[in-house]
Amino acid sequence: MKKAKLLSAAVFVFYSVACSQTEHNVQAMPVIFVASTPCTVGTRPLPGMSLTGKCELIKWKLQIFGIAGSNSTRTYILDCDYGMAKQGTRGLVDGGTHLHRDGKWAMQTGMPGNPTAVIFCLDPGKPKESVYLLKLSDELLHLLDSDRQLMTGTAAWSYTLNKLP
């Protein structure tokens, strides 16, 4: 009888730990978006970027936590490398300059011309530092300017961030 109770308790503890770890790991996994965009008036200065350095390219890696769970903490990590493009490569001259930001994000709705648009706002509590991204689909986010207008690209450049598989 004691062995049966001990075995039942062990199974219960193992199951409880396994379930809590699984739930924690699912929520802890970020959704990752990447892009290469030009440095222009709308994306430069990205809050935290140098105002004096030369820049023609920004490489983005945005990790968003808490998209899947409504009760999850909504945080993000944004890492950007920016500078002058190194000709004939995908890199930046001298490796460029690194910018790291992290904080909270919020989902908002509405933009000029589309009141139902879904917007990801990085740092909603800091309006002068906020970055806005329009959710085009579960796989695509598009950078918005400070007036929540779409950033317009060219045949060679886009302002769309793509989800990594």
N, C-alpha and C. Protein backbone atom coordinates (compact mmCIF):
# COMPACT_ATOMS: atom_id res chain seq x y z
N MET A 1 0.82 -1.19 0.00
CA MET A 1 0.00 0.00 0.00
C MET A 1 0.86 1.26 0.00
N LYS A 2 1.93 1.25 0.85
CA LYS A 2 2.81 2.42 0.90
C LYS A 2 3.49 2.64 -0.45
N LYS A 3 3.88 1.53 -1.10
CA LYS A 3 4.54 1.64 -2.40
C LYS A 3 3.60 2.23 -3.44
N ALA A 4 2.35 1.86 -3.40
CA ALA A 4 1.36 2.38 -4.35
C ALA A 4 1.16 3.87 -4.15
N LYS A 5 1.06 4.32 -2.88
CA LYS A 5 0.91 5.75 -2.60
C LYS A 5 2.14 6.52 -3.04
N LEU A 6 3.31 5.96 -2.76
CA LEU A 6 4.56 6.61 -3.14
C LEU A 6 4.67 6.71 -4.66
N LEU A 7 4.30 5.63 -5.34
CA LEU A 7 4.33 5.63 -6.81
C LEU A 7 3.32 6.64 -7.37
N SER A 8 2.14 6.71 -6.80
CA SER A 8 1.13 7.68 -7.25
C SER A 8 1.61 9.10 -7.04
N ALA A 9 2.22 9.37 -5.90
CA ALA A 9 2.74 10.71 -5.61
C ALA A 9 3.85 11.06 -6.60
N ALA A 10 4.72 10.12 -6.90
CA ALA A 10 5.83 10.37 -7.83
C ALA A 10 5.29 10.66 -9.23
N VAL A 11 4.30 9.90 -9.67
CA VAL A 11 3.70 10.13 -10.99
C VAL A 11 3.04 11.50 -11.04
N PHE A 12 2.32 11.87 -9.97
CA PHE A 12 1.66 13.18 -9.91
C PHE A 12 2.69 14.31 -9.99
N VAL A 13 3.76 14.22 -9.22
CA VAL A 13 4.81 15.26 -9.23
C VAL A 13 5.45 15.32 -10.62
N PHE A 14 5.79 14.18 -11.19
CA PHE A 14 6.40 14.17 -12.52
C PHE A 14 5.48 14.80 -13.55
N TYR A 15 4.21 14.45 -13.54
CA TYR A 15 3.23 14.99 -14.48
C TYR A 15 3.08 16.50 -14.30
N SER A 16 3.01 16.95 -13.04
CA SER A 16 2.86 18.39 -12.76
C SER A 16 4.06 19.17 -13.27
N VAL A 17 5.26 18.66 -13.01
CA VAL A 17 6.47 19.35 -13.47
C VAL A 17 6.53 19.35 -15.00
N ALA A 18 6.21 18.23 -15.62
CA ALA A 18 6.26 18.14 -17.08
C ALA A 18 5.27 19.11 -17.72
N CYS A 19 4.07 19.19 -17.19
CA CYS A 19 3.07 20.10 -17.76
C CYS A 19 3.47 21.56 -17.57
N SER A 20 3.97 21.89 -16.39
CA SER A 20 4.35 23.29 -16.17
C SER A 20 5.53 23.67 -17.03
N GLN A 21 6.48 22.76 -17.25
CA GLN A 21 7.62 23.05 -18.10
C GLN A 21 7.19 23.23 -19.54
N THR A 22 6.27 22.39 -20.01
CA THR A 22 5.79 22.50 -21.38
C THR A 22 5.10 23.83 -21.59
N GLU A 23 4.22 24.22 -20.67
CA GLU A 23 3.51 25.49 -20.81
C GLU A 23 4.48 26.65 -20.77
N HIS A 24 5.46 26.58 -19.86
CA HIS A 24 6.45 27.66 -19.74
C HIS A 24 7.28 27.77 -21.02
N ASN A 25 7.70 26.65 -21.57
CA ASN A 25 8.54 26.68 -22.76
C ASN A 25 7.79 27.22 -23.97
N VAL A 26 6.51 26.89 -24.10
CA VAL A 26 5.73 27.38 -25.23
C VAL A 26 5.64 28.90 -25.16
N GLN A 27 5.35 29.44 -23.98
CA GLN A 27 5.22 30.88 -23.83
C GLN A 27 6.57 31.57 -23.92
N ALA A 28 7.65 30.87 -23.54
CA ALA A 28 8.97 31.48 -23.54
C ALA A 28 9.57 31.55 -24.95
N MET A 29 9.02 30.81 -25.89
CA MET A 29 9.57 30.80 -27.24
C MET A 29 9.12 32.05 -27.99
N PRO A 30 10.08 32.83 -28.49
CA PRO A 30 9.68 34.04 -29.23
C PRO A 30 9.28 33.73 -30.66
N VAL A 31 8.52 34.64 -31.23
CA VAL A 31 8.28 34.64 -32.67
C VAL A 31 9.33 35.60 -33.22
N ILE A 32 10.10 35.16 -34.20
CA ILE A 32 11.24 35.94 -34.68
C ILE A 32 10.97 36.46 -36.10
N PHE A 33 11.20 37.76 -36.28
CA PHE A 33 11.07 38.42 -37.58
C PHE A 33 12.41 39.04 -37.93
N VAL A 34 12.76 38.98 -39.22
CA VAL A 34 14.02 39.56 -39.70
C VAL A 34 13.76 40.40 -40.95
N ALA A 35 14.66 41.34 -41.20
CA ALA A 35 14.56 42.17 -42.41
C ALA A 35 15.86 42.91 -42.63
N SER A 36 16.02 43.39 -43.85
CA SER A 36 17.05 44.36 -44.20
C SER A 36 16.32 45.53 -44.82
N THR A 37 16.48 46.72 -44.23
CA THR A 37 15.79 47.90 -44.73
C THR A 37 16.79 49.02 -44.94
N PRO A 38 16.43 49.99 -45.74
CA PRO A 38 17.33 51.14 -45.91
C PRO A 38 17.26 52.06 -44.69
N CYS A 39 18.28 52.87 -44.53
CA CYS A 39 18.23 53.96 -43.55
C CYS A 39 17.64 55.16 -44.28
N THR A 40 16.50 55.62 -43.81
CA THR A 40 15.87 56.78 -44.41
C THR A 40 15.33 57.66 -43.30
N VAL A 41 14.68 58.71 -43.65
CA VAL A 41 14.12 59.62 -42.66
C VAL A 41 13.24 58.87 -41.67
N GLY A 42 12.40 57.95 -42.16
CA GLY A 42 11.48 57.25 -41.28
C GLY A 42 12.11 56.21 -40.40
N THR A 43 13.20 55.60 -40.84
CA THR A 43 13.83 54.56 -40.04
C THR A 43 15.11 55.05 -39.39
N ARG A 44 15.49 56.25 -39.68
CA ARG A 44 16.67 56.83 -39.04
C ARG A 44 16.37 58.24 -38.64
N PRO A 45 16.57 58.65 -37.44
CA PRO A 45 17.16 57.74 -36.45
C PRO A 45 16.10 56.85 -35.80
N LEU A 46 16.34 55.55 -35.82
CA LEU A 46 15.57 54.63 -35.00
C LEU A 46 15.99 54.98 -33.58
N PRO A 47 15.07 55.11 -32.67
CA PRO A 47 15.48 55.52 -31.33
C PRO A 47 16.68 54.71 -30.85
N GLY A 48 17.72 55.42 -30.48
CA GLY A 48 18.95 54.78 -30.03
C GLY A 48 20.05 54.78 -31.07
N MET A 49 19.71 55.10 -32.33
CA MET A 49 20.73 55.15 -33.39
C MET A 49 21.50 56.46 -33.31
N SER A 50 22.75 56.39 -33.72
CA SER A 50 23.58 57.58 -33.79
C SER A 50 23.05 58.54 -34.84
N LEU A 51 23.03 59.81 -34.53
CA LEU A 51 22.59 60.82 -35.49
C LEU A 51 23.70 61.20 -36.45
N THR A 52 24.94 60.91 -36.11
CA THR A 52 26.07 61.40 -36.90
C THR A 52 26.70 60.35 -37.81
N GLY A 53 26.52 59.07 -37.52
CA GLY A 53 27.16 58.03 -38.32
C GLY A 53 26.53 57.86 -39.69
N LYS A 54 27.34 57.39 -40.64
CA LYS A 54 26.82 57.09 -41.98
C LYS A 54 25.99 55.82 -41.93
N CYS A 55 24.89 55.84 -42.67
CA CYS A 55 23.99 54.68 -42.64
C CYS A 55 23.21 54.60 -43.94
N GLU A 56 23.22 53.40 -44.54
CA GLU A 56 22.36 53.16 -45.69
C GLU A 56 21.58 51.85 -45.56
N LEU A 57 21.92 51.04 -44.56
CA LEU A 57 21.29 49.73 -44.41
C LEU A 57 21.10 49.42 -42.93
N ILE A 58 19.92 48.88 -42.60
CA ILE A 58 19.64 48.37 -41.26
C ILE A 58 19.25 46.90 -41.39
N LYS A 59 19.88 46.04 -40.60
CA LYS A 59 19.54 44.62 -40.54
C LYS A 59 18.83 44.40 -39.20
N TRP A 60 17.60 43.92 -39.27
CA TRP A 60 16.73 43.77 -38.10
C TRP A 60 16.59 42.32 -37.67
N LYS A 61 16.53 42.10 -36.36
CA LYS A 61 16.09 40.82 -35.79
C LYS A 61 15.20 41.18 -34.61
N LEU A 62 13.91 40.91 -34.76
CA LEU A 62 12.91 41.24 -33.75
C LEU A 62 12.36 39.94 -33.18
N GLN A 63 12.50 39.78 -31.86
CA GLN A 63 11.95 38.63 -31.16
C GLN A 63 10.78 39.12 -30.32
N ILE A 64 9.60 38.57 -30.58
CA ILE A 64 8.40 38.98 -29.86
C ILE A 64 7.94 37.82 -28.98
N PHE A 65 7.82 38.09 -27.69
CA PHE A 65 7.36 37.10 -26.72
C PHE A 65 5.93 37.42 -26.33
N GLY A 66 5.12 36.37 -26.14
CA GLY A 66 3.77 36.56 -25.62
C GLY A 66 2.70 36.70 -26.68
N ILE A 67 3.01 36.40 -27.93
CA ILE A 67 1.97 36.49 -28.97
C ILE A 67 0.94 35.37 -28.78
N ALA A 68 1.41 34.16 -28.48
CA ALA A 68 0.51 33.01 -28.41
C ALA A 68 -0.41 33.03 -27.20
N GLY A 69 0.08 33.48 -26.07
CA GLY A 69 -0.72 33.42 -24.85
C GLY A 69 -1.27 34.77 -24.46
N SER A 70 -2.57 34.83 -24.27
CA SER A 70 -3.18 36.11 -23.90
C SER A 70 -2.78 36.54 -22.49
N ASN A 71 -2.40 35.58 -21.64
CA ASN A 71 -2.00 35.91 -20.27
C ASN A 71 -0.48 36.07 -20.15
N SER A 72 0.23 35.95 -21.26
CA SER A 72 1.68 36.03 -21.24
C SER A 72 2.14 37.47 -21.10
N THR A 73 3.34 37.61 -20.59
CA THR A 73 3.98 38.92 -20.56
C THR A 73 4.39 39.25 -21.98
N ARG A 74 4.01 40.41 -22.45
CA ARG A 74 4.32 40.82 -23.82
C ARG A 74 5.61 41.63 -23.82
N THR A 75 6.69 40.98 -24.19
CA THR A 75 7.99 41.65 -24.24
C THR A 75 8.60 41.42 -25.62
N TYR A 76 9.65 42.20 -25.92
CA TYR A 76 10.35 42.05 -27.18
C TYR A 76 11.84 42.28 -26.97
N ILE A 77 12.60 41.77 -27.92
CA ILE A 77 14.03 42.05 -28.02
C ILE A 77 14.28 42.44 -29.47
N LEU A 78 14.86 43.60 -29.68
CA LEU A 78 15.17 44.08 -31.03
C LEU A 78 16.67 44.29 -31.13
N ASP A 79 17.30 43.60 -32.06
CA ASP A 79 18.71 43.79 -32.35
C ASP A 79 18.85 44.25 -33.79
N CYS A 80 19.53 45.37 -33.98
CA CYS A 80 19.76 45.91 -35.32
C CYS A 80 21.24 46.18 -35.51
N ASP A 81 21.71 45.91 -36.69
CA ASP A 81 23.05 46.31 -37.11
C ASP A 81 22.84 47.28 -38.26
N TYR A 82 23.54 48.40 -38.23
CA TYR A 82 23.34 49.41 -39.27
C TYR A 82 24.65 50.05 -39.65
N GLY A 83 24.68 50.60 -40.87
CA GLY A 83 25.87 51.27 -41.37
C GLY A 83 25.86 51.29 -42.88
N MET A 84 27.05 51.40 -43.43
CA MET A 84 27.21 51.40 -44.88
C MET A 84 27.34 49.96 -45.38
N ALA A 85 26.65 49.65 -46.46
CA ALA A 85 26.70 48.31 -47.03
C ALA A 85 28.09 48.02 -47.57
N LYS A 86 28.59 46.83 -47.28
CA LYS A 86 29.89 46.39 -47.80
C LYS A 86 29.63 45.81 -49.19
N GLN A 87 30.15 46.48 -50.22
CA GLN A 87 29.87 46.10 -51.60
C GLN A 87 30.24 44.65 -51.88
N GLY A 88 29.36 43.97 -52.62
CA GLY A 88 29.60 42.59 -53.02
C GLY A 88 29.34 41.57 -51.92
N THR A 89 28.81 42.01 -50.77
CA THR A 89 28.53 41.09 -49.66
C THR A 89 27.17 41.42 -49.07
N ARG A 90 26.77 40.64 -48.08
CA ARG A 90 25.55 40.93 -47.33
C ARG A 90 25.86 41.69 -46.04
N GLY A 91 27.13 41.99 -45.85
CA GLY A 91 27.57 42.60 -44.60
C GLY A 91 27.63 44.11 -44.64
N LEU A 92 28.11 44.65 -43.53
CA LEU A 92 28.28 46.09 -43.35
C LEU A 92 29.76 46.41 -43.22
N VAL A 93 30.16 47.58 -43.69
CA VAL A 93 31.54 48.00 -43.57
C VAL A 93 31.93 48.01 -42.09
N ASP A 94 33.05 47.39 -41.78
CA ASP A 94 33.55 47.29 -40.41
C ASP A 94 32.53 46.68 -39.45
N GLY A 95 31.62 45.87 -39.95
CA GLY A 95 30.62 45.21 -39.12
C GLY A 95 29.45 46.09 -38.72
N GLY A 96 29.53 47.39 -39.05
CA GLY A 96 28.44 48.31 -38.72
C GLY A 96 28.38 48.62 -37.24
N THR A 97 27.29 49.19 -36.82
CA THR A 97 27.04 49.54 -35.43
C THR A 97 25.86 48.73 -34.93
N HIS A 98 25.98 48.21 -33.72
CA HIS A 98 24.91 47.38 -33.17
C HIS A 98 24.01 48.21 -32.26
N LEU A 99 22.72 47.98 -32.37
CA LEU A 99 21.73 48.62 -31.51
C LEU A 99 20.88 47.53 -30.88
N HIS A 100 20.74 47.56 -29.57
CA HIS A 100 19.92 46.59 -28.86
C HIS A 100 18.85 47.35 -28.09
N ARG A 101 17.61 46.89 -28.24
CA ARG A 101 16.48 47.43 -27.47
C ARG A 101 15.68 46.27 -26.95
N ASP A 102 15.08 46.45 -25.80
CA ASP A 102 14.13 45.47 -25.30
C ASP A 102 13.13 46.20 -24.44
N GLY A 103 11.98 45.59 -24.29
CA GLY A 103 10.94 46.23 -23.50
C GLY A 103 9.62 45.53 -23.69
N LYS A 104 8.57 46.26 -23.46
CA LYS A 104 7.21 45.74 -23.59
C LYS A 104 6.61 46.16 -24.94
N TRP A 105 5.67 45.38 -25.40
CA TRP A 105 4.94 45.73 -26.62
C TRP A 105 3.44 45.60 -26.33
N ALA A 106 2.67 46.26 -27.16
CA ALA A 106 1.21 46.19 -27.05
C ALA A 106 0.62 46.06 -28.44
N MET A 107 -0.53 45.41 -28.51
CA MET A 107 -1.26 45.32 -29.76
C MET A 107 -2.29 46.44 -29.77
N GLN A 108 -2.30 47.21 -30.85
CA GLN A 108 -3.24 48.31 -31.00
C GLN A 108 -4.00 48.13 -32.30
N THR A 109 -5.06 48.88 -32.47
CA THR A 109 -5.80 48.81 -33.73
C THR A 109 -5.93 50.20 -34.32
N GLY A 110 -5.96 50.21 -35.64
CA GLY A 110 -6.22 51.44 -36.37
C GLY A 110 -5.01 52.19 -36.85
N MET A 111 -5.14 52.68 -38.08
CA MET A 111 -4.16 53.55 -38.70
C MET A 111 -4.91 54.37 -39.75
N PRO A 112 -4.34 55.46 -40.22
CA PRO A 112 -5.04 56.26 -41.24
C PRO A 112 -5.46 55.39 -42.43
N GLY A 113 -6.73 55.43 -42.76
CA GLY A 113 -7.26 54.67 -43.89
C GLY A 113 -7.64 53.24 -43.58
N ASN A 114 -7.32 52.75 -42.37
CA ASN A 114 -7.65 51.37 -42.02
C ASN A 114 -7.89 51.28 -40.51
N PRO A 115 -9.11 51.55 -40.07
CA PRO A 115 -9.39 51.56 -38.63
C PRO A 115 -9.32 50.20 -37.96
N THR A 116 -9.31 49.11 -38.74
CA THR A 116 -9.25 47.77 -38.15
C THR A 116 -7.85 47.16 -38.23
N ALA A 117 -6.88 47.90 -38.72
CA ALA A 117 -5.52 47.38 -38.84
C ALA A 117 -4.98 46.97 -37.47
N VAL A 118 -4.23 45.87 -37.44
CA VAL A 118 -3.60 45.41 -36.21
C VAL A 118 -2.16 45.92 -36.21
N ILE A 119 -1.81 46.65 -35.14
CA ILE A 119 -0.50 47.28 -35.04
C ILE A 119 0.23 46.74 -33.82
N PHE A 120 1.48 46.35 -34.00
CA PHE A 120 2.35 46.04 -32.88
C PHE A 120 3.09 47.32 -32.53
N CYS A 121 3.01 47.74 -31.29
CA CYS A 121 3.70 48.94 -30.83
C CYS A 121 4.77 48.52 -29.82
N LEU A 122 6.03 48.75 -30.18
CA LEU A 122 7.12 48.47 -29.26
C LEU A 122 7.28 49.68 -28.35
N ASP A 123 7.33 49.46 -27.08
CA ASP A 123 7.44 50.52 -26.07
C ASP A 123 6.27 51.50 -26.11
N PRO A 124 5.03 51.02 -25.93
CA PRO A 124 3.88 51.91 -25.99
C PRO A 124 3.88 52.99 -24.91
N GLY A 125 4.57 52.76 -23.81
CA GLY A 125 4.61 53.74 -22.74
C GLY A 125 5.63 54.85 -22.97
N LYS A 126 6.36 54.77 -24.09
CA LYS A 126 7.37 55.76 -24.42
C LYS A 126 7.12 56.27 -25.84
N PRO A 127 6.12 57.13 -26.03
CA PRO A 127 5.70 57.54 -27.38
C PRO A 127 6.83 58.05 -28.28
N LYS A 128 7.80 58.74 -27.74
CA LYS A 128 8.89 59.27 -28.59
C LYS A 128 9.86 58.18 -29.02
N GLU A 129 9.81 57.03 -28.36
CA GLU A 129 10.69 55.92 -28.70
C GLU A 129 9.95 54.75 -29.32
N SER A 130 8.63 54.84 -29.43
CA SER A 130 7.83 53.73 -29.94
C SER A 130 8.15 53.42 -31.40
N VAL A 131 8.08 52.14 -31.73
CA VAL A 131 8.22 51.67 -33.10
C VAL A 131 6.92 50.95 -33.43
N TYR A 132 6.35 51.26 -34.59
CA TYR A 132 5.06 50.70 -34.99
C TYR A 132 5.24 49.76 -36.18
N LEU A 133 4.58 48.59 -36.10
CA LEU A 133 4.63 47.60 -37.16
C LEU A 133 3.22 47.12 -37.46
N LEU A 134 2.83 47.19 -38.72
CA LEU A 134 1.53 46.71 -39.16
C LEU A 134 1.59 45.20 -39.38
N LYS A 135 0.64 44.48 -38.80
CA LYS A 135 0.56 43.04 -39.02
C LYS A 135 -0.14 42.79 -40.34
N LEU A 136 0.62 42.37 -41.35
CA LEU A 136 0.04 42.03 -42.65
C LEU A 136 -0.54 40.62 -42.63
N SER A 137 0.16 39.72 -41.94
CA SER A 137 -0.27 38.33 -41.76
C SER A 137 0.51 37.79 -40.57
N ASP A 138 0.31 36.52 -40.27
CA ASP A 138 1.08 35.92 -39.17
C ASP A 138 2.57 35.85 -39.50
N GLU A 139 2.92 35.95 -40.77
CA GLU A 139 4.30 35.83 -41.21
C GLU A 139 4.96 37.15 -41.58
N LEU A 140 4.19 38.23 -41.71
CA LEU A 140 4.74 39.50 -42.20
C LEU A 140 4.33 40.69 -41.34
N LEU A 141 5.31 41.52 -41.02
CA LEU A 141 5.07 42.80 -40.35
C LEU A 141 5.67 43.88 -41.23
N HIS A 142 5.02 45.05 -41.30
CA HIS A 142 5.53 46.14 -42.13
C HIS A 142 5.75 47.37 -41.25
N LEU A 143 6.92 47.97 -41.39
CA LEU A 143 7.30 49.12 -40.59
C LEU A 143 6.45 50.34 -40.94
N LEU A 144 5.99 51.03 -39.90
CA LEU A 144 5.22 52.26 -40.07
C LEU A 144 6.06 53.43 -39.59
N ASP A 145 5.78 54.61 -40.15
CA ASP A 145 6.47 55.81 -39.66
C ASP A 145 5.78 56.30 -38.39
N SER A 146 6.25 57.40 -37.84
CA SER A 146 5.70 57.90 -36.58
C SER A 146 4.24 58.36 -36.70
N ASP A 147 3.77 58.60 -37.92
CA ASP A 147 2.36 58.95 -38.16
C ASP A 147 1.51 57.73 -38.47
N ARG A 148 2.09 56.55 -38.30
CA ARG A 148 1.43 55.27 -38.60
C ARG A 148 1.07 55.13 -40.07
N GLN A 149 1.92 55.65 -40.91
CA GLN A 149 1.79 55.47 -42.37
C GLN A 149 2.79 54.40 -42.80
N LEU A 150 2.43 53.63 -43.84
CA LEU A 150 3.34 52.61 -44.35
C LEU A 150 4.62 53.25 -44.85
N MET A 151 5.76 52.65 -44.50
CA MET A 151 7.03 53.07 -45.08
C MET A 151 7.04 52.54 -46.51
N THR A 152 7.38 53.40 -47.44
CA THR A 152 7.36 53.03 -48.85
C THR A 152 8.74 52.62 -49.31
N GLY A 153 8.83 51.42 -49.84
CA GLY A 153 10.10 50.90 -50.33
C GLY A 153 10.30 51.21 -51.80
N THR A 154 11.28 50.55 -52.38
CA THR A 154 11.60 50.68 -53.80
C THR A 154 11.66 49.28 -54.39
N ALA A 155 12.06 49.21 -55.64
CA ALA A 155 12.21 47.90 -56.29
C ALA A 155 13.30 47.08 -55.59
N ALA A 156 14.26 47.75 -54.98
CA ALA A 156 15.38 47.05 -54.35
C ALA A 156 15.21 46.87 -52.84
N TRP A 157 14.41 47.70 -52.19
CA TRP A 157 14.31 47.70 -50.74
C TRP A 157 12.87 47.59 -50.28
N SER A 158 12.70 46.96 -49.15
CA SER A 158 11.38 46.81 -48.55
C SER A 158 11.47 47.14 -47.07
N TYR A 159 10.34 47.46 -46.48
CA TYR A 159 10.26 47.69 -45.04
C TYR A 159 9.46 46.58 -44.36
N THR A 160 9.45 45.39 -44.96
CA THR A 160 8.68 44.28 -44.45
C THR A 160 9.60 43.33 -43.69
N LEU A 161 9.18 42.96 -42.48
CA LEU A 161 9.90 41.99 -41.69
C LEU A 161 9.23 40.63 -41.90
N ASN A 162 10.04 39.61 -42.11
CA ASN A 162 9.56 38.27 -42.40
C ASN A 162 9.77 37.35 -41.20
N LYS A 163 8.77 36.53 -40.90
CA LYS A 163 8.87 35.58 -39.79
C LYS A 163 9.79 34.43 -40.17
N LEU A 164 10.68 34.08 -39.25
CA LEU A 164 11.51 32.91 -39.45
C LEU A 164 10.69 31.67 -39.13
N PRO A 165 10.92 30.59 -39.88
CA PRO A 165 10.16 29.36 -39.62
C PRO A 165 10.53 28.74 -38.29
